[in-house]
Amino acid sequence: MTIDKTEIVRRHVAAVTQMLVGNRTLQPGAMIIAGEMAGIEGRLALARLAETSGKDIVFLGFADSAEGYGLTNISIVAARDGICHGQTDCRLYLSKTGARAVILPQPHVRGLFRLSPNELLHIDRKPADVEDGVARATARLAKLVERGVQLDGRAVINTYPLAA
């Protein structure tokens, strides 16, 4: 991954963290991670990480596309009672009045997910204005990525090089 790509990922992680936790501090039970990972091997690696770390994971997937390098997928993984639950192809949703975004799974999946500072919580309802909320979240994410976000100790972002 090049320095430019690393900066794109870093800005997105900071922006998504801001959107999901707001002015709260991310706690040890949850983590937001990002990188290039595809296919079943990637999903299995996320499941193993959730299980071994005991943390709920929000994973931001990045890849090259026609528009350039950027965020292509949001996945969540949480291990509960020996079962690893995962959702891929999620989207951020922001209500008209909401200060914090939530994570919408694919349309056929019940409910939505809120990242409390320490874990992912399933909320058994979907908003009525899904497409408008996704558009609001997409616009806000773009603004935060462009201007940059200072998390001021509410979360720590570590950058690790790819293994050779």
C-alpha atoms as a PDB file:
ATOM      1  CA  MET A   1       0.000   0.000   0.000  1.00  0.00           C
ATOM      2  CA  THR A   2       1.421   3.366  -0.973  1.00  0.00           C
ATOM      3  CA  ILE A   3       1.698   6.375   1.323  1.00  0.00           C
ATOM      4  CA  ASP A   4      -1.177   8.053  -0.561  1.00  0.00           C
ATOM      5  CA  LYS A   5      -3.403   5.008  -0.111  1.00  0.00           C
ATOM      6  CA  THR A   6      -2.463   4.772   3.554  1.00  0.00           C
ATOM      7  CA  GLU A   7      -3.516   8.398   4.061  1.00  0.00           C
ATOM      8  CA  ILE A   8      -6.850   7.730   2.340  1.00  0.00           C
ATOM      9  CA  VAL A   9      -7.486   4.771   4.649  1.00  0.00           C
ATOM     10  CA  ARG A  10      -6.389   6.720   7.719  1.00  0.00           C
ATOM     11  CA  ARG A  11      -8.693   9.654   6.921  1.00  0.00           C
ATOM     12  CA  HIS A  12     -11.636   7.307   6.396  1.00  0.00           C
ATOM     13  CA  VAL A  13     -10.996   5.457   9.668  1.00  0.00           C
ATOM     14  CA  ALA A  14     -10.900   8.748  11.572  1.00  0.00           C
ATOM     15  CA  ALA A  15     -14.040  10.031   9.837  1.00  0.00           C
ATOM     16  CA  VAL A  16     -16.034   6.816  10.336  1.00  0.00           C
ATOM     17  CA  THR A  17     -14.920   6.674  13.965  1.00  0.00           C
ATOM     18  CA  GLN A  18     -16.151  10.243  14.477  1.00  0.00           C
ATOM     19  CA  MET A  19     -19.457   9.418  12.801  1.00  0.00           C
ATOM     20  CA  LEU A  20     -20.058   6.231  14.812  1.00  0.00           C
ATOM     21  CA  VAL A  21     -18.902   7.241  18.305  1.00  0.00           C
ATOM     22  CA  GLY A  22     -19.398  11.010  18.192  1.00  0.00           C
ATOM     23  CA  ASN A  23     -17.779  12.708  21.175  1.00  0.00           C
ATOM     24  CA  ARG A  24     -17.481   9.463  23.151  1.00  0.00           C
ATOM     25  CA  THR A  25     -14.253   7.489  23.558  1.00  0.00           C
ATOM     26  CA  LEU A  26     -13.919   4.144  21.797  1.00  0.00           C
ATOM     27  CA  GLN A  27     -13.462   1.457  24.456  1.00  0.00           C
ATOM     28  CA  PRO A  28     -11.447  -1.789  24.384  1.00  0.00           C
ATOM     29  CA  GLY A  29     -14.435  -4.005  23.468  1.00  0.00           C
ATOM     30  CA  ALA A  30     -14.739  -2.625  19.943  1.00  0.00           C
ATOM     31  CA  MET A  31     -12.432  -1.660  17.125  1.00  0.00           C
ATOM     32  CA  ILE A  32     -12.628  -0.065  13.726  1.00  0.00           C
ATOM     33  CA  ILE A  33     -10.079  -1.495  11.338  1.00  0.00           C
ATOM     34  CA  ALA A  34      -9.424  -1.074   7.636  1.00  0.00           C
ATOM     35  CA  GLY A  35      -7.480  -2.486   4.765  1.00  0.00           C
ATOM     36  CA  GLU A  36      -7.615  -4.437   1.560  1.00  0.00           C
ATOM     37  CA  MET A  37      -9.226  -7.779   2.108  1.00  0.00           C
ATOM     38  CA  ALA A  38     -11.468  -9.736  -0.196  1.00  0.00           C
ATOM     39  CA  GLY A  39     -13.152 -13.063  -0.543  1.00  0.00           C
ATOM     40  CA  ILE A  40     -13.949 -15.787   1.893  1.00  0.00           C
ATOM     41  CA  GLU A  41     -10.390 -15.789   3.241  1.00  0.00           C
ATOM     42  CA  GLY A  42     -10.812 -12.182   4.325  1.00  0.00           C
ATOM     43  CA  ARG A  43     -14.136 -12.841   6.018  1.00  0.00           C
ATOM     44  CA  LEU A  44     -12.686 -15.855   7.826  1.00  0.00           C
ATOM     45  CA  ALA A  45      -9.707 -13.775   8.982  1.00  0.00           C
ATOM     46  CA  LEU A  46     -12.092 -11.150  10.413  1.00  0.00           C
ATOM     47  CA  ALA A  47     -14.078 -13.859  12.196  1.00  0.00           C
ATOM     48  CA  ARG A  48     -10.905 -15.318  13.707  1.00  0.00           C
ATOM     49  CA  LEU A  49      -9.798 -11.849  14.814  1.00  0.00           C
ATOM     50  CA  ALA A  50     -13.163 -11.155  16.474  1.00  0.00           C
ATOM     51  CA  GLU A  51     -13.119 -14.514  18.222  1.00  0.00           C
ATOM     52  CA  THR A  52      -9.510 -14.385  19.435  1.00  0.00           C
ATOM     53  CA  SER A  53      -9.524 -10.713  20.432  1.00  0.00           C
ATOM     54  CA  GLY A  54     -12.968 -10.727  22.015  1.00  0.00           C
ATOM     55  CA  LYS A  55     -13.706  -7.439  20.238  1.00  0.00           C
ATOM     56  CA  ASP A  56     -16.549  -6.376  18.005  1.00  0.00           C
ATOM     57  CA  ILE A  57     -15.167  -5.251  14.653  1.00  0.00           C
ATOM     58  CA  VAL A  58     -16.206  -2.657  12.121  1.00  0.00           C
ATOM     59  CA  PHE A  59     -14.091  -3.333   9.030  1.00  0.00           C
ATOM     60  CA  LEU A  60     -13.660  -0.758   6.281  1.00  0.00           C
ATOM     61  CA  GLY A  61     -12.660  -2.424   3.020  1.00  0.00           C
ATOM     62  CA  PHE A  62     -10.655  -0.503   0.416  1.00  0.00           C
ATOM     63  CA  ALA A  63      -9.774  -1.194  -3.207  1.00  0.00           C
ATOM     64  CA  ASP A  64      -9.012   0.451  -6.500  1.00  0.00           C
ATOM     65  CA  SER A  65     -12.060   1.276  -8.595  1.00  0.00           C
ATOM     66  CA  ALA A  66     -12.938   3.360 -11.650  1.00  0.00           C
ATOM     67  CA  GLU A  67     -13.230   6.416  -9.364  1.00  0.00           C
ATOM     68  CA  GLY A  68      -9.821   5.739  -7.794  1.00  0.00           C
ATOM     69  CA  TYR A  69      -8.761   4.200  -4.515  1.00  0.00           C
ATOM     70  CA  GLY A  70     -11.411   4.315  -1.831  1.00  0.00           C
ATOM     71  CA  LEU A  71     -13.847   2.737   0.560  1.00  0.00           C
ATOM     72  CA  THR A  72     -15.693  -0.100  -1.136  1.00  0.00           C
ATOM     73  CA  ASN A  73     -17.247  -2.085   1.708  1.00  0.00           C
ATOM     74  CA  ILE A  74     -18.205  -1.916   5.367  1.00  0.00           C
ATOM     75  CA  SER A  75     -18.468  -5.176   7.290  1.00  0.00           C
ATOM     76  CA  ILE A  76     -19.191  -5.923  10.922  1.00  0.00           C
ATOM     77  CA  VAL A  77     -18.220  -8.970  12.955  1.00  0.00           C
ATOM     78  CA  ALA A  78     -19.098  -9.875  16.537  1.00  0.00           C
ATOM     79  CA  ALA A  79     -18.569 -13.087  18.477  1.00  0.00           C
ATOM     80  CA  ARG A  80     -21.379 -13.954  20.897  1.00  0.00           C
ATOM     81  CA  ASP A  81     -21.698 -17.165  22.903  1.00  0.00           C
ATOM     82  CA  GLY A  82     -19.268 -19.073  20.708  1.00  0.00           C
ATOM     83  CA  ILE A  83     -20.927 -17.980  17.453  1.00  0.00           C
ATOM     84  CA  CYS A  84     -19.347 -15.437  15.142  1.00  0.00           C
ATOM     85  CA  HIS A  85     -21.906 -13.153  13.510  1.00  0.00           C
ATOM     86  CA  GLY A  86     -20.947 -11.141  10.457  1.00  0.00           C
ATOM     87  CA  GLN A  87     -22.530  -8.813   7.941  1.00  0.00           C
ATOM     88  CA  THR A  88     -20.909  -7.590   4.740  1.00  0.00           C
ATOM     89  CA  ASP A  89     -21.911  -4.827   2.340  1.00  0.00           C
ATOM     90  CA  CYS A  90     -23.212  -2.589   5.103  1.00  0.00           C
ATOM     91  CA  ARG A  91     -23.794   1.150   4.737  1.00  0.00           C
ATOM     92  CA  LEU A  92     -23.668   4.103   7.070  1.00  0.00           C
ATOM     93  CA  TYR A  93     -26.948   5.827   7.866  1.00  0.00           C
ATOM     94  CA  LEU A  94     -27.405   9.268   9.412  1.00  0.00           C
ATOM     95  CA  SER A  95     -30.797  10.525  10.578  1.00  0.00           C
ATOM     96  CA  LYS A  96     -31.873  14.111  10.004  1.00  0.00           C
ATOM     97  CA  THR A  97     -31.252  14.994  13.638  1.00  0.00           C
ATOM     98  CA  GLY A  98     -28.686  12.356  14.540  1.00  0.00           C
ATOM     99  CA  ALA A  99     -25.253  13.279  15.685  1.00  0.00           C
ATOM    100  CA  ARG A 100     -24.061   9.674  15.363  1.00  0.00           C
ATOM    101  CA  ALA A 101     -24.333   7.385  12.383  1.00  0.00           C
ATOM    102  CA  VAL A 102     -25.504   3.782  12.563  1.00  0.00           C
ATOM    103  CA  ILE A 103     -24.651   0.812  10.372  1.00  0.00           C
ATOM    104  CA  LEU A 104     -27.318  -0.588   8.065  1.00  0.00           C
ATOM    105  CA  PRO A 105     -26.860  -4.182   6.946  1.00  0.00           C
ATOM    106  CA  GLN A 106     -28.131  -5.417   3.598  1.00  0.00           C
ATOM    107  CA  PRO A 107     -31.882  -4.861   3.061  1.00  0.00           C
ATOM    108  CA  HIS A 108     -32.869  -8.487   3.791  1.00  0.00           C
ATOM    109  CA  VAL A 109     -31.258  -8.355   7.270  1.00  0.00           C
ATOM    110  CA  ARG A 110     -33.415  -7.260  10.196  1.00  0.00           C
ATOM    111  CA  GLY A 111     -32.618  -4.041  12.029  1.00  0.00           C
ATOM    112  CA  LEU A 112     -29.498  -1.938  12.218  1.00  0.00           C
ATOM    113  CA  PHE A 113     -26.350  -1.715  14.336  1.00  0.00           C
ATOM    114  CA  ARG A 114     -25.170   1.059  16.631  1.00  0.00           C
ATOM    115  CA  LEU A 115     -21.585   1.173  17.833  1.00  0.00           C
ATOM    116  CA  SER A 116     -21.641   1.908  21.524  1.00  0.00           C
ATOM    117  CA  PRO A 117     -18.167   2.804  22.756  1.00  0.00           C
ATOM    118  CA  ASN A 118     -17.599  -0.804  23.824  1.00  0.00           C
ATOM    119  CA  GLU A 119     -19.636  -3.048  21.500  1.00  0.00           C
ATOM    120  CA  LEU A 120     -21.936  -3.346  18.516  1.00  0.00           C
ATOM    121  CA  LEU A 121     -25.599  -3.276  19.499  1.00  0.00           C
ATOM    122  CA  HIS A 122     -28.351  -4.700  17.305  1.00  0.00           C
ATOM    123  CA  ILE A 123     -31.462  -2.532  17.154  1.00  0.00           C
ATOM    124  CA  ASP A 124     -34.495  -4.367  15.810  1.00  0.00           C
ATOM    125  CA  ARG A 125     -35.854  -1.703  13.470  1.00  0.00           C
ATOM    126  CA  LYS A 126     -34.930   0.024  10.251  1.00  0.00           C
ATOM    127  CA  PRO A 127     -35.436   3.713   9.554  1.00  0.00           C
ATOM    128  CA  ALA A 128     -38.163   4.756   7.128  1.00  0.00           C
ATOM    129  CA  ASP A 129     -35.920   7.021   5.030  1.00  0.00           C
ATOM    130  CA  VAL A 130     -33.072   4.603   4.312  1.00  0.00           C
ATOM    131  CA  GLU A 131     -31.872   6.103   1.033  1.00  0.00           C
ATOM    132  CA  ASP A 132     -32.013   9.693   2.334  1.00  0.00           C
ATOM    133  CA  GLY A 133     -30.127   8.681   5.477  1.00  0.00           C
ATOM    134  CA  VAL A 134     -27.483   6.835   3.476  1.00  0.00           C
ATOM    135  CA  ALA A 135     -27.087   9.901   1.240  1.00  0.00           C
ATOM    136  CA  ARG A 136     -26.689  12.141   4.329  1.00  0.00           C
ATOM    137  CA  ALA A 137     -24.088   9.766   5.769  1.00  0.00           C
ATOM    138  CA  THR A 138     -22.204   9.560   2.458  1.00  0.00           C
ATOM    139  CA  ALA A 139     -22.094  13.358   2.169  1.00  0.00           C
ATOM    140  CA  ARG A 140     -20.956  13.796   5.771  1.00  0.00           C
ATOM    141  CA  LEU A 141     -18.283  11.129   5.389  1.00  0.00           C
ATOM    142  CA  ALA A 142     -16.930  12.860   2.277  1.00  0.00           C
ATOM    143  CA  LYS A 143     -16.729  16.201   4.116  1.00  0.00           C
ATOM    144  CA  LEU A 144     -14.996  14.678   7.136  1.00  0.00           C
ATOM    145  CA  VAL A 145     -12.506  12.782   4.964  1.00  0.00           C
ATOM    146  CA  GLU A 146     -11.737  15.936   2.982  1.00  0.00           C
ATOM    147  CA  ARG A 147     -11.178  18.242   5.949  1.00  0.00           C
ATOM    148  CA  GLY A 148      -9.718  15.614   8.284  1.00  0.00           C
ATOM    149  CA  VAL A 149     -10.793  14.665  11.788  1.00  0.00           C
ATOM    150  CA  GLN A 150      -8.924  15.092  15.056  1.00  0.00           C
ATOM    151  CA  LEU A 151     -10.051  12.376  17.451  1.00  0.00           C
ATOM    152  CA  ASP A 152      -8.284  14.030  20.413  1.00  0.00           C
ATOM    153  CA  GLY A 153      -7.599  10.792  22.278  1.00  0.00           C
ATOM    154  CA  ARG A 154     -11.105   9.354  21.779  1.00  0.00           C
ATOM    155  CA  ALA A 155      -9.583   6.630  19.605  1.00  0.00           C
ATOM    156  CA  VAL A 156      -6.083   5.617  18.602  1.00  0.00           C
ATOM    157  CA  ILE A 157      -5.269   4.986  14.959  1.00  0.00           C
ATOM    158  CA  ASN A 158      -2.324   2.699  14.327  1.00  0.00           C
ATOM    159  CA  THR A 159      -0.878   2.104  10.881  1.00  0.00           C
ATOM    160  CA  TYR A 160       0.804  -1.202  10.161  1.00  0.00           C
ATOM    161  CA  PRO A 161       2.688  -2.035   6.968  1.00  0.00           C
ATOM    162  CA  LEU A 162       1.627  -4.954   4.850  1.00  0.00           C
ATOM    163  CA  ALA A 163       3.481  -8.206   5.480  1.00  0.00           C
ATOM    164  CA  ALA A 164       6.075  -8.999   2.828  1.00  0.00           C
END
